[in-house]
């Protein structure tokens, strides 16, 4: 049976009603089955019977025999504490943000550089090769490991590897803050620009910032980023300090899309929703199925849309498989015929 090419996926029939999906993204193979998803092994060391059956025992044995860490890494390393990152609130679509600092919201992986290694928001180490981090300053940096727009899943597959892969050459560390500099945002950005202009690193640089002139300017920039396939925008209050936790001095702006889907099943709730609707199983006109479990009022959960009805839902973007990400219920369409 032919192998799965990089960036491709295949469906295989397992014990479930729907087929499982096997993927190869940057040399990291995955399966949508529970056995693969629930393993505690690093993502590039997991396998399952579906991958073994499709690729062959020898190919899978050779693949997962990679070293767990990059050469010279400490295999008994202690997981570091989660870094004190600044988190954004969501712009309310009305607050005047004239004069705030505007930058693109990158669809990558948030990374904290502690002077020695990259750490995720949850305190997990990203095993970047030595040549990737060479020359980075010893001071903490907050930024994003980024590949390109619409390349989030490939970015994740690369940064989760434990083998110091050359695939890291596809990535860049885009720095947007200096947490240890106890000064205004403008002074921190000036510090970063001075620092990186001297270092001239191949794989790291400062994310550009510009002043937001008005709400109209913000929406024009959102239109531009959206047309390029970007995720959204970030806004930073002038003169603000770096403070751990969620703060109204940092705002995210993301565009949501509306679409229609046909209700094909109603799934029961659990916890506080026990005895009423948990989620709607819906289908797009092309047959793509997914669940919508948020956006409902208590009254709507007690009296949910009927099977066969058409609903409007809101979502952020489509996954590589065409499934809406973060779908939220808006309402039942009564002005159109049910979707086929």
C-alpha atoms as a PDB file:
ATOM      1  CA  UNK A   1       0.000   0.000   0.000  1.00  0.00           C
ATOM      2  CA  UNK A   2       1.488   3.455  -0.925  1.00  0.00           C
ATOM      3  CA  UNK A   3       2.695   5.645   1.940  1.00  0.00           C
ATOM      4  CA  UNK A   4       0.994   8.926   2.873  1.00  0.00           C
ATOM      5  CA  UNK A   5       2.701  11.895   1.221  1.00  0.00           C
ATOM      6  CA  UNK A   6       3.629  14.935   3.301  1.00  0.00           C
ATOM      7  CA  UNK A   7       0.539  17.095   3.793  1.00  0.00           C
ATOM      8  CA  UNK A   8      -1.836  14.370   2.637  1.00  0.00           C
ATOM      9  CA  UNK A   9      -4.400  12.230   4.488  1.00  0.00           C
ATOM     10  CA  UNK A  10      -6.242   8.969   3.861  1.00  0.00           C
ATOM     11  CA  UNK A  11      -9.331   7.399   5.383  1.00  0.00           C
ATOM     12  CA  UNK A  12      -9.329   3.865   6.773  1.00  0.00           C
ATOM     13  CA  UNK A  13     -12.206   1.891   8.166  1.00  0.00           C
ATOM     14  CA  UNK A  14     -11.941   0.892  11.819  1.00  0.00           C
ATOM     15  CA  UNK A  15     -14.386  -0.275  14.438  1.00  0.00           C
ATOM     16  CA  UNK A  16     -16.318   3.010  14.465  1.00  0.00           C
ATOM     17  CA  UNK A  17     -19.128   3.891  12.098  1.00  0.00           C
ATOM     18  CA  UNK A  18     -17.122   6.694  10.477  1.00  0.00           C
ATOM     19  CA  UNK A  19     -13.675   6.014   9.016  1.00  0.00           C
ATOM     20  CA  UNK A  20     -10.536   7.151  10.797  1.00  0.00           C
ATOM     21  CA  UNK A  21      -8.220   9.680   9.164  1.00  0.00           C
ATOM     22  CA  UNK A  22      -4.480   9.041   8.849  1.00  0.00           C
ATOM     23  CA  UNK A  23      -2.284  12.105   8.214  1.00  0.00           C
ATOM     24  CA  UNK A  24       1.342  12.918   7.502  1.00  0.00           C
ATOM     25  CA  UNK A  25       2.224  16.525   8.337  1.00  0.00           C
ATOM     26  CA  UNK A  26       5.910  17.288   8.220  1.00  0.00           C
ATOM     27  CA  UNK A  27       6.837  13.667   8.839  1.00  0.00           C
ATOM     28  CA  UNK A  28       4.584  13.397  11.888  1.00  0.00           C
ATOM     29  CA  UNK A  29       1.997  10.679  11.313  1.00  0.00           C
ATOM     30  CA  UNK A  30      -1.305  10.721  13.177  1.00  0.00           C
ATOM     31  CA  UNK A  31      -4.620   8.892  13.345  1.00  0.00           C
ATOM     32  CA  UNK A  32      -7.976  10.212  14.501  1.00  0.00           C
ATOM     33  CA  UNK A  33      -8.699   7.018  16.464  1.00  0.00           C
ATOM     34  CA  UNK A  34      -8.907   7.163  20.302  1.00  0.00           C
ATOM     35  CA  UNK A  35      -5.950   4.788  20.693  1.00  0.00           C
ATOM     36  CA  UNK A  36      -3.620   7.275  18.987  1.00  0.00           C
ATOM     37  CA  UNK A  37      -5.108  10.419  20.596  1.00  0.00           C
ATOM     38  CA  UNK A  38      -4.998   9.088  24.174  1.00  0.00           C
ATOM     39  CA  UNK A  39      -1.350   8.031  24.212  1.00  0.00           C
ATOM     40  CA  UNK A  40       1.028   9.848  26.564  1.00  0.00           C
ATOM     41  CA  UNK A  41       4.024   9.421  24.252  1.00  0.00           C
ATOM     42  CA  UNK A  42       5.399  12.420  22.310  1.00  0.00           C
ATOM     43  CA  UNK A  43       3.383  13.111  19.192  1.00  0.00           C
ATOM     44  CA  UNK A  44       6.172  11.894  16.869  1.00  0.00           C
ATOM     45  CA  UNK A  45       6.500   8.594  18.782  1.00  0.00           C
ATOM     46  CA  UNK A  46       2.847   7.505  18.681  1.00  0.00           C
ATOM     47  CA  UNK A  47       1.414   4.772  16.508  1.00  0.00           C
ATOM     48  CA  UNK A  48      -1.689   2.585  16.336  1.00  0.00           C
ATOM     49  CA  UNK A  49      -2.953  -0.502  14.543  1.00  0.00           C
ATOM     50  CA  UNK A  50      -4.377   1.590  11.699  1.00  0.00           C
ATOM     51  CA  UNK A  51      -1.014   3.227  10.942  1.00  0.00           C
ATOM     52  CA  UNK A  52       0.739  -0.136  11.253  1.00  0.00           C
ATOM     53  CA  UNK A  53      -1.768  -1.778   8.922  1.00  0.00           C
ATOM     54  CA  UNK A  54      -1.482   1.021   6.338  1.00  0.00           C
ATOM     55  CA  UNK A  55       2.294   1.691   6.445  1.00  0.00           C
ATOM     56  CA  UNK A  56       3.534  -1.729   7.505  1.00  0.00           C
ATOM     57  CA  UNK A  57       5.142  -2.987  10.688  1.00  0.00           C
ATOM     58  CA  UNK A  58       8.719  -2.286   9.567  1.00  0.00           C
ATOM     59  CA  UNK A  59       8.059   1.284   8.422  1.00  0.00           C
ATOM     60  CA  UNK A  60       6.296   2.153  11.688  1.00  0.00           C
ATOM     61  CA  UNK A  61       8.967   0.477  13.810  1.00  0.00           C
ATOM     62  CA  UNK A  62      11.672   2.481  12.047  1.00  0.00           C
ATOM     63  CA  UNK A  63       9.700   5.722  12.365  1.00  0.00           C
ATOM     64  CA  UNK A  64       8.953   5.589  16.103  1.00  0.00           C
ATOM     65  CA  UNK A  65      12.494   4.486  16.925  1.00  0.00           C
ATOM     66  CA  UNK A  66      13.626   8.145  16.688  1.00  0.00           C
ATOM     67  CA  UNK A  67      15.402   9.477  19.818  1.00  0.00           C
ATOM     68  CA  UNK A  68      13.075  11.145  22.289  1.00  0.00           C
ATOM     69  CA  UNK A  69      15.243  14.230  22.576  1.00  0.00           C
ATOM     70  CA  UNK A  70      17.569  16.241  20.443  1.00  0.00           C
ATOM     71  CA  UNK A  71      21.223  15.129  20.636  1.00  0.00           C
ATOM     72  CA  UNK A  72      22.749  16.157  23.958  1.00  0.00           C
ATOM     73  CA  UNK A  73      19.402  16.957  25.572  1.00  0.00           C
ATOM     74  CA  UNK A  74      18.709  15.876  29.126  1.00  0.00           C
ATOM     75  CA  UNK A  75      16.226  12.988  28.968  1.00  0.00           C
ATOM     76  CA  UNK A  76      15.370  13.429  32.655  1.00  0.00           C
ATOM     77  CA  UNK A  77      14.550  17.109  32.337  1.00  0.00           C
ATOM     78  CA  UNK A  78      12.052  18.562  34.803  1.00  0.00           C
ATOM     79  CA  UNK A  79       9.054  20.260  33.238  1.00  0.00           C
ATOM     80  CA  UNK A  80       9.405  24.024  33.831  1.00  0.00           C
ATOM     81  CA  UNK A  81       6.668  26.111  35.413  1.00  0.00           C
ATOM     82  CA  UNK A  82       4.145  27.722  33.080  1.00  0.00           C
ATOM     83  CA  UNK A  83       5.463  31.173  32.122  1.00  0.00           C
ATOM     84  CA  UNK A  84       3.640  34.326  33.358  1.00  0.00           C
ATOM     85  CA  UNK A  85       2.294  35.318  29.930  1.00  0.00           C
ATOM     86  CA  UNK A  86       0.059  38.274  29.180  1.00  0.00           C
ATOM     87  CA  UNK A  87      -3.303  37.142  27.754  1.00  0.00           C
ATOM     88  CA  UNK A  88      -5.706  39.114  25.574  1.00  0.00           C
ATOM     89  CA  UNK A  89      -9.337  39.987  25.972  1.00  0.00           C
ATOM     90  CA  UNK A  90     -11.624  40.311  22.945  1.00  0.00           C
ATOM     91  CA  UNK A  91     -12.376  43.664  21.346  1.00  0.00           C
ATOM     92  CA  UNK A  92     -16.074  44.506  21.775  1.00  0.00           C
ATOM     93  CA  UNK A  93     -16.459  45.966  18.240  1.00  0.00           C
ATOM     94  CA  UNK A  94     -17.229  49.436  19.601  1.00  0.00           C
ATOM     95  CA  UNK A  95     -14.450  50.677  21.923  1.00  0.00           C
ATOM     96  CA  UNK A  96     -12.434  53.456  20.287  1.00  0.00           C
ATOM     97  CA  UNK A  97      -8.906  52.113  19.866  1.00  0.00           C
ATOM     98  CA  UNK A  98      -7.432  55.114  18.078  1.00  0.00           C
ATOM     99  CA  UNK A  99      -3.782  55.455  19.013  1.00  0.00           C
ATOM    100  CA  UNK A 100      -3.418  51.821  20.105  1.00  0.00           C
ATOM    101  CA  UNK A 101      -0.664  49.665  18.601  1.00  0.00           C
ATOM    102  CA  UNK A 102      -1.809  47.312  15.874  1.00  0.00           C
ATOM    103  CA  UNK A 103      -0.208  44.075  14.674  1.00  0.00           C
ATOM    104  CA  UNK A 104      -1.252  40.901  12.887  1.00  0.00           C
ATOM    105  CA  UNK A 105      -2.481  38.008  15.039  1.00  0.00           C
ATOM    106  CA  UNK A 106      -0.279  35.169  13.883  1.00  0.00           C
ATOM    107  CA  UNK A 107      -1.758  31.709  13.457  1.00  0.00           C
ATOM    108  CA  UNK A 108       1.205  29.972  15.036  1.00  0.00           C
ATOM    109  CA  UNK A 109       2.272  28.603  18.416  1.00  0.00           C
ATOM    110  CA  UNK A 110       2.775  30.961  21.362  1.00  0.00           C
ATOM    111  CA  UNK A 111       6.275  30.535  22.756  1.00  0.00           C
ATOM    112  CA  UNK A 112       8.116  32.039  25.749  1.00  0.00           C
ATOM    113  CA  UNK A 113      11.901  32.205  25.435  1.00  0.00           C
ATOM    114  CA  UNK A 114      13.391  31.987  28.954  1.00  0.00           C
ATOM    115  CA  UNK A 115      16.940  32.662  27.855  1.00  0.00           C
ATOM    116  CA  UNK A 116      17.700  28.975  27.294  1.00  0.00           C
ATOM    117  CA  UNK A 117      14.694  27.258  25.724  1.00  0.00           C
ATOM    118  CA  UNK A 118      11.190  27.788  24.336  1.00  0.00           C
ATOM    119  CA  UNK A 119       8.292  27.041  26.694  1.00  0.00           C
ATOM    120  CA  UNK A 120       4.583  26.822  25.885  1.00  0.00           C
ATOM    121  CA  UNK A 121       1.871  28.578  27.870  1.00  0.00           C
ATOM    122  CA  UNK A 122       1.307  25.302  29.734  1.00  0.00           C
ATOM    123  CA  UNK A 123       4.996  24.902  30.619  1.00  0.00           C
ATOM    124  CA  UNK A 124       5.914  22.329  27.954  1.00  0.00           C
ATOM    125  CA  UNK A 125       9.361  22.567  26.362  1.00  0.00           C
ATOM    126  CA  UNK A 126       9.659  22.989  22.592  1.00  0.00           C
ATOM    127  CA  UNK A 127      12.829  21.152  21.530  1.00  0.00           C
ATOM    128  CA  UNK A 128      14.216  23.661  19.035  1.00  0.00           C
ATOM    129  CA  UNK A 129      17.576  22.761  17.418  1.00  0.00           C
ATOM    130  CA  UNK A 130      20.672  24.584  18.686  1.00  0.00           C
ATOM    131  CA  UNK A 131      21.143  26.369  15.350  1.00  0.00           C
ATOM    132  CA  UNK A 132      17.582  27.765  15.539  1.00  0.00           C
ATOM    133  CA  UNK A 133      18.100  29.442  18.936  1.00  0.00           C
ATOM    134  CA  UNK A 134      21.731  30.465  18.394  1.00  0.00           C
ATOM    135  CA  UNK A 135      22.232  34.145  19.249  1.00  0.00           C
ATOM    136  CA  UNK A 136      18.915  34.710  21.013  1.00  0.00           C
ATOM    137  CA  UNK A 137      19.373  37.015  24.036  1.00  0.00           C
ATOM    138  CA  UNK A 138      19.395  35.672  27.609  1.00  0.00           C
ATOM    139  CA  UNK A 139      16.460  37.923  28.554  1.00  0.00           C
ATOM    140  CA  UNK A 140      12.892  36.524  28.414  1.00  0.00           C
ATOM    141  CA  UNK A 141      11.009  37.068  25.161  1.00  0.00           C
ATOM    142  CA  UNK A 142       7.334  36.577  24.320  1.00  0.00           C
ATOM    143  CA  UNK A 143       6.473  35.653  20.776  1.00  0.00           C
ATOM    144  CA  UNK A 144       5.130  33.186  18.260  1.00  0.00           C
ATOM    145  CA  UNK A 145       6.697  30.267  16.427  1.00  0.00           C
ATOM    146  CA  UNK A 146       5.215  30.863  13.001  1.00  0.00           C
ATOM    147  CA  UNK A 147       5.409  29.327   9.541  1.00  0.00           C
ATOM    148  CA  UNK A 148       2.814  31.030   7.346  1.00  0.00           C
ATOM    149  CA  UNK A 149      -0.844  31.968   7.215  1.00  0.00           C
ATOM    150  CA  UNK A 150      -3.146  28.940   7.132  1.00  0.00           C
ATOM    151  CA  UNK A 151      -0.291  26.681   8.253  1.00  0.00           C
ATOM    152  CA  UNK A 152      -1.210  26.239  11.925  1.00  0.00           C
ATOM    153  CA  UNK A 153      -1.436  22.450  11.856  1.00  0.00           C
ATOM    154  CA  UNK A 154       1.938  22.043  10.157  1.00  0.00           C
ATOM    155  CA  UNK A 155       3.493  24.486  12.650  1.00  0.00           C
ATOM    156  CA  UNK A 156       2.151  22.423  15.550  1.00  0.00           C
ATOM    157  CA  UNK A 157       3.476  19.204  14.016  1.00  0.00           C
ATOM    158  CA  UNK A 158       6.981  20.689  13.770  1.00  0.00           C
ATOM    159  CA  UNK A 159       7.247  22.286  17.225  1.00  0.00           C
ATOM    160  CA  UNK A 160       5.988  19.113  18.938  1.00  0.00           C
ATOM    161  CA  UNK A 161       8.792  17.004  17.523  1.00  0.00           C
ATOM    162  CA  UNK A 162      11.495  15.858  19.940  1.00  0.00           C
ATOM    163  CA  UNK A 163      14.223  15.129  17.402  1.00  0.00           C
ATOM    164  CA  UNK A 164      15.612  18.576  16.557  1.00  0.00           C
ATOM    165  CA  UNK A 165      14.347  18.149  13.000  1.00  0.00           C
ATOM    166  CA  UNK A 166      15.553  20.251  10.077  1.00  0.00           C
ATOM    167  CA  UNK A 167      11.867  21.055   9.543  1.00  0.00           C
ATOM    168  CA  UNK A 168      12.421  23.888  12.051  1.00  0.00           C
ATOM    169  CA  UNK A 169      14.062  25.757   9.149  1.00  0.00           C
ATOM    170  CA  UNK A 170      10.533  26.469   7.909  1.00  0.00           C
ATOM    171  CA  UNK A 171       9.714  28.394  11.098  1.00  0.00           C
ATOM    172  CA  UNK A 172      10.476  31.884  12.413  1.00  0.00           C
ATOM    173  CA  UNK A 173      10.275  33.208  15.975  1.00  0.00           C
ATOM    174  CA  UNK A 174       8.286  36.452  15.730  1.00  0.00           C
ATOM    175  CA  UNK A 175       8.889  38.437  18.928  1.00  0.00           C
ATOM    176  CA  UNK A 176       6.227  40.859  20.142  1.00  0.00           C
ATOM    177  CA  UNK A 177       7.207  41.649  23.737  1.00  0.00           C
ATOM    178  CA  UNK A 178      10.020  41.761  26.321  1.00  0.00           C
ATOM    179  CA  UNK A 179       8.394  40.742  29.624  1.00  0.00           C
ATOM    180  CA  UNK A 180      11.409  41.491  31.831  1.00  0.00           C
ATOM    181  CA  UNK A 181      11.722  45.128  30.707  1.00  0.00           C
ATOM    182  CA  UNK A 182       9.800  47.138  33.330  1.00  0.00           C
ATOM    183  CA  UNK A 183       8.801  49.959  31.019  1.00  0.00           C
ATOM    184  CA  UNK A 184       6.007  51.070  28.691  1.00  0.00           C
ATOM    185  CA  UNK A 185       5.087  49.050  25.621  1.00  0.00           C
ATOM    186  CA  UNK A 186       6.746  51.645  23.387  1.00  0.00           C
ATOM    187  CA  UNK A 187      10.016  51.367  25.321  1.00  0.00           C
ATOM    188  CA  UNK A 188       9.891  47.573  25.232  1.00  0.00           C
ATOM    189  CA  UNK A 189       9.396  47.548  21.466  1.00  0.00           C
ATOM    190  CA  UNK A 190      12.269  50.035  21.059  1.00  0.00           C
ATOM    191  CA  UNK A 191      14.460  47.736  23.177  1.00  0.00           C
ATOM    192  CA  UNK A 192      13.534  44.740  20.990  1.00  0.00           C
ATOM    193  CA  UNK A 193      14.140  46.593  17.714  1.00  0.00           C
ATOM    194  CA  UNK A 194      17.569  47.793  18.904  1.00  0.00           C
ATOM    195  CA  UNK A 195      18.461  44.324  20.140  1.00  0.00           C
ATOM    196  CA  UNK A 196      17.462  42.433  16.995  1.00  0.00           C
ATOM    197  CA  UNK A 197      18.869  45.011  14.599  1.00  0.00           C
ATOM    198  CA  UNK A 198      22.273  44.288  16.168  1.00  0.00           C
ATOM    199  CA  UNK A 199      21.827  40.500  16.325  1.00  0.00           C
ATOM    200  CA  UNK A 200      20.575  40.015  12.740  1.00  0.00           C
ATOM    201  CA  UNK A 201      19.348  36.488  13.430  1.00  0.00           C
ATOM    202  CA  UNK A 202      18.280  34.140  10.638  1.00  0.00           C
ATOM    203  CA  UNK A 203      15.286  32.658  12.446  1.00  0.00           C
ATOM    204  CA  UNK A 204      14.017  35.432  14.743  1.00  0.00           C
ATOM    205  CA  UNK A 205      12.795  38.996  14.405  1.00  0.00           C
ATOM    206  CA  UNK A 206      10.449  41.592  15.873  1.00  0.00           C
ATOM    207  CA  UNK A 207       6.798  41.598  14.790  1.00  0.00           C
ATOM    208  CA  UNK A 208       5.945  44.965  13.148  1.00  0.00           C
ATOM    209  CA  UNK A 209       3.637  47.341  15.016  1.00  0.00           C
ATOM    210  CA  UNK A 210       1.735  50.373  13.715  1.00  0.00           C
ATOM    211  CA  UNK A 211      -0.562  52.963  15.233  1.00  0.00           C
ATOM    212  CA  UNK A 212      -4.280  52.401  14.763  1.00  0.00           C
ATOM    213  CA  UNK A 213      -5.742  55.619  13.383  1.00  0.00           C
ATOM    214  CA  UNK A 214      -9.423  54.848  13.970  1.00  0.00           C
ATOM    215  CA  UNK A 215     -12.008  52.092  14.151  1.00  0.00           C
ATOM    216  CA  UNK A 216     -12.418  52.456  10.370  1.00  0.00           C
ATOM    217  CA  UNK A 217      -8.677  51.921   9.963  1.00  0.00           C
ATOM    218  CA  UNK A 218      -8.908  48.842  12.174  1.00  0.00           C
ATOM    219  CA  UNK A 219     -11.684  47.368  10.036  1.00  0.00           C
ATOM    220  CA  UNK A 220      -9.835  48.168   6.809  1.00  0.00           C
ATOM    221  CA  UNK A 221      -6.763  46.389   8.166  1.00  0.00           C
ATOM    222  CA  UNK A 222      -8.944  43.466   9.241  1.00  0.00           C
ATOM    223  CA  UNK A 223     -10.307  43.236   5.696  1.00  0.00           C
ATOM    224  CA  UNK A 224      -6.760  43.211   4.317  1.00  0.00           C
ATOM    225  CA  UNK A 225      -5.516  40.515   6.701  1.00  0.00           C
ATOM    226  CA  UNK A 226      -8.662  38.454   6.118  1.00  0.00           C
ATOM    227  CA  UNK A 227      -8.151  38.606   2.344  1.00  0.00           C
ATOM    228  CA  UNK A 228      -4.626  37.228   2.849  1.00  0.00           C
ATOM    229  CA  UNK A 229      -5.899  34.322   4.907  1.00  0.00           C
ATOM    230  CA  UNK A 230      -4.704  35.760   8.231  1.00  0.00           C
ATOM    231  CA  UNK A 231      -6.248  34.969  11.598  1.00  0.00           C
ATOM    232  CA  UNK A 232      -6.918  38.475  12.915  1.00  0.00           C
ATOM    233  CA  UNK A 233      -5.346  41.450  14.660  1.00  0.00           C
ATOM    234  CA  UNK A 234      -3.928  42.334  18.061  1.00  0.00           C
ATOM    235  CA  UNK A 235      -4.255  45.719  19.778  1.00  0.00           C
ATOM    236  CA  UNK A 236      -1.972  46.989  22.540  1.00  0.00           C
ATOM    237  CA  UNK A 237      -2.803  49.998  24.727  1.00  0.00           C
ATOM    238  CA  UNK A 238      -0.197  52.785  24.545  1.00  0.00           C
ATOM    239  CA  UNK A 239       1.998  53.092  27.631  1.00  0.00           C
ATOM    240  CA  UNK A 240       0.832  49.759  29.067  1.00  0.00           C
ATOM    241  CA  UNK A 241       3.048  47.477  31.136  1.00  0.00           C
ATOM    242  CA  UNK A 242       3.547  43.740  30.752  1.00  0.00           C
ATOM    243  CA  UNK A 243       1.297  42.081  33.340  1.00  0.00           C
ATOM    244  CA  UNK A 244       0.756  38.318  33.727  1.00  0.00           C
ATOM    245  CA  UNK A 245      -2.777  37.047  33.145  1.00  0.00           C
ATOM    246  CA  UNK A 246      -5.675  38.364  31.107  1.00  0.00           C
ATOM    247  CA  UNK A 247      -5.696  42.112  30.619  1.00  0.00           C
ATOM    248  CA  UNK A 248      -7.833  44.712  28.843  1.00  0.00           C
ATOM    249  CA  UNK A 249      -4.593  46.420  27.710  1.00  0.00           C
ATOM    250  CA  UNK A 250      -4.242  43.669  25.087  1.00  0.00           C
ATOM    251  CA  UNK A 251      -7.168  42.986  22.752  1.00  0.00           C
ATOM    252  CA  UNK A 252      -7.641  40.407  19.996  1.00  0.00           C
ATOM    253  CA  UNK A 253      -9.758  41.078  16.929  1.00  0.00           C
ATOM    254  CA  UNK A 254     -10.981  38.055  14.964  1.00  0.00           C
ATOM    255  CA  UNK A 255     -13.536  37.852  12.206  1.00  0.00           C
ATOM    256  CA  UNK A 256     -16.259  35.251  12.427  1.00  0.00           C
ATOM    257  CA  UNK A 257     -18.125  33.790   9.469  1.00  0.00           C
ATOM    258  CA  UNK A 258     -21.777  32.780   9.348  1.00  0.00           C
ATOM    259  CA  UNK A 259     -23.045  29.670   7.570  1.00  0.00           C
ATOM    260  CA  UNK A 260     -25.993  27.265   7.521  1.00  0.00           C
ATOM    261  CA  UNK A 261     -26.158  23.580   8.362  1.00  0.00           C
ATOM    262  CA  UNK A 262     -28.846  20.911   8.654  1.00  0.00           C
ATOM    263  CA  UNK A 263     -29.531  19.311  12.046  1.00  0.00           C
ATOM    264  CA  UNK A 264     -29.116  15.520  11.760  1.00  0.00           C
ATOM    265  CA  UNK A 265     -29.131  14.587  15.461  1.00  0.00           C
ATOM    266  CA  UNK A 266     -29.417  16.007  18.969  1.00  0.00           C
ATOM    267  CA  UNK A 267     -26.809  14.925  21.502  1.00  0.00           C
ATOM    268  CA  UNK A 268     -27.698  14.796  25.221  1.00  0.00           C
ATOM    269  CA  UNK A 269     -25.915  17.047  27.662  1.00  0.00           C
ATOM    270  CA  UNK A 270     -23.869  16.229  30.736  1.00  0.00           C
ATOM    271  CA  UNK A 271     -23.098  18.022  33.973  1.00  0.00           C
ATOM    272  CA  UNK A 272     -25.283  21.086  34.351  1.00  0.00           C
ATOM    273  CA  UNK A 273     -26.851  20.331  30.955  1.00  0.00           C
ATOM    274  CA  UNK A 274     -27.871  16.795  31.920  1.00  0.00           C
ATOM    275  CA  UNK A 275     -31.430  16.085  30.820  1.00  0.00           C
ATOM    276  CA  UNK A 276     -31.380  18.623  28.007  1.00  0.00           C
ATOM    277  CA  UNK A 277     -29.448  19.443  24.830  1.00  0.00           C
ATOM    278  CA  UNK A 278     -25.683  19.112  24.934  1.00  0.00           C
ATOM    279  CA  UNK A 279     -24.911  19.707  21.261  1.00  0.00           C
ATOM    280  CA  UNK A 280     -26.396  19.511  17.790  1.00  0.00           C
ATOM    281  CA  UNK A 281     -24.869  17.156  15.245  1.00  0.00           C
ATOM    282  CA  UNK A 282     -25.149  19.012  11.945  1.00  0.00           C
ATOM    283  CA  UNK A 283     -24.113  18.588   8.320  1.00  0.00           C
ATOM    284  CA  UNK A 284     -22.999  21.097   5.712  1.00  0.00           C
ATOM    285  CA  UNK A 285     -24.391  20.894   2.164  1.00  0.00           C
ATOM    286  CA  UNK A 286     -21.244  18.978   1.118  1.00  0.00           C
ATOM    287  CA  UNK A 287     -21.913  16.331   3.789  1.00  0.00           C
ATOM    288  CA  UNK A 288     -19.269  17.443   6.318  1.00  0.00           C
ATOM    289  CA  UNK A 289     -20.524  16.582   9.807  1.00  0.00           C
ATOM    290  CA  UNK A 290     -19.591  18.262  13.098  1.00  0.00           C
ATOM    291  CA  UNK A 291     -21.100  19.273  16.438  1.00  0.00           C
ATOM    292  CA  UNK A 292     -22.307  22.679  17.596  1.00  0.00           C
ATOM    293  CA  UNK A 293     -22.319  22.825  21.391  1.00  0.00           C
ATOM    294  CA  UNK A 294     -22.107  26.509  22.310  1.00  0.00           C
ATOM    295  CA  UNK A 295     -24.207  29.640  21.811  1.00  0.00           C
ATOM    296  CA  UNK A 296     -27.468  28.176  23.151  1.00  0.00           C
ATOM    297  CA  UNK A 297     -29.612  29.808  25.814  1.00  0.00           C
ATOM    298  CA  UNK A 298     -31.106  27.643  28.566  1.00  0.00           C
ATOM    299  CA  UNK A 299     -34.484  27.918  26.835  1.00  0.00           C
ATOM    300  CA  UNK A 300     -32.990  26.688  23.551  1.00  0.00           C
ATOM    301  CA  UNK A 301     -31.331  23.740  25.313  1.00  0.00           C
ATOM    302  CA  UNK A 302     -34.669  22.808  26.851  1.00  0.00           C
ATOM    303  CA  UNK A 303     -36.444  23.134  23.496  1.00  0.00           C
ATOM    304  CA  UNK A 304     -33.735  22.522  20.863  1.00  0.00           C
ATOM    305  CA  UNK A 305     -34.043  22.817  17.077  1.00  0.00           C
ATOM    306  CA  UNK A 306     -35.727  19.852  15.448  1.00  0.00           C
ATOM    307  CA  UNK A 307     -33.859  17.232  13.457  1.00  0.00           C
ATOM    308  CA  UNK A 308     -34.111  18.245   9.809  1.00  0.00           C
ATOM    309  CA  UNK A 309     -34.232  21.977  10.526  1.00  0.00           C
ATOM    310  CA  UNK A 310     -31.632  24.429   9.242  1.00  0.00           C
ATOM    311  CA  UNK A 311     -29.579  26.490  11.651  1.00  0.00           C
ATOM    312  CA  UNK A 312     -27.223  29.434  11.270  1.00  0.00           C
ATOM    313  CA  UNK A 313     -23.932  29.087  13.108  1.00  0.00           C
ATOM    314  CA  UNK A 314     -20.861  31.265  13.478  1.00  0.00           C
ATOM    315  CA  UNK A 315     -17.279  30.020  13.189  1.00  0.00           C
ATOM    316  CA  UNK A 316     -13.724  31.368  12.964  1.00  0.00           C
ATOM    317  CA  UNK A 317     -12.234  29.372  10.076  1.00  0.00           C
ATOM    318  CA  UNK A 318     -12.169  25.990   8.381  1.00  0.00           C
ATOM    319  CA  UNK A 319      -9.749  23.222   9.332  1.00  0.00           C
ATOM    320  CA  UNK A 320      -7.693  21.410   6.698  1.00  0.00           C
ATOM    321  CA  UNK A 321     -10.554  18.891   6.411  1.00  0.00           C
ATOM    322  CA  UNK A 322     -13.128  21.649   5.828  1.00  0.00           C
ATOM    323  CA  UNK A 323     -14.629  21.426   9.330  1.00  0.00           C
ATOM    324  CA  UNK A 324     -15.647  24.777  10.913  1.00  0.00           C
ATOM    325  CA  UNK A 325     -13.496  25.646  13.939  1.00  0.00           C
ATOM    326  CA  UNK A 326     -15.188  26.899  17.123  1.00  0.00           C
ATOM    327  CA  UNK A 327     -18.772  26.771  15.772  1.00  0.00           C
ATOM    328  CA  UNK A 328     -21.391  28.617  17.817  1.00  0.00           C
ATOM    329  CA  UNK A 329     -25.188  28.488  17.408  1.00  0.00           C
ATOM    330  CA  UNK A 330     -26.853  31.684  16.162  1.00  0.00           C
ATOM    331  CA  UNK A 331     -30.459  30.651  15.411  1.00  0.00           C
ATOM    332  CA  UNK A 332     -32.905  28.552  13.405  1.00  0.00           C
ATOM    333  CA  UNK A 333     -33.545  29.608   9.819  1.00  0.00           C
ATOM    334  CA  UNK A 334     -37.273  29.832   9.205  1.00  0.00           C
ATOM    335  CA  UNK A 335     -37.045  31.877   6.013  1.00  0.00           C
ATOM    336  CA  UNK A 336     -35.443  29.198   3.807  1.00  0.00           C
ATOM    337  CA  UNK A 337     -36.105  25.600   2.930  1.00  0.00           C
ATOM    338  CA  UNK A 338     -34.228  22.881   4.772  1.00  0.00           C
ATOM    339  CA  UNK A 339     -30.792  22.098   3.348  1.00  0.00           C
ATOM    340  CA  UNK A 340     -30.622  18.907   1.358  1.00  0.00           C
END
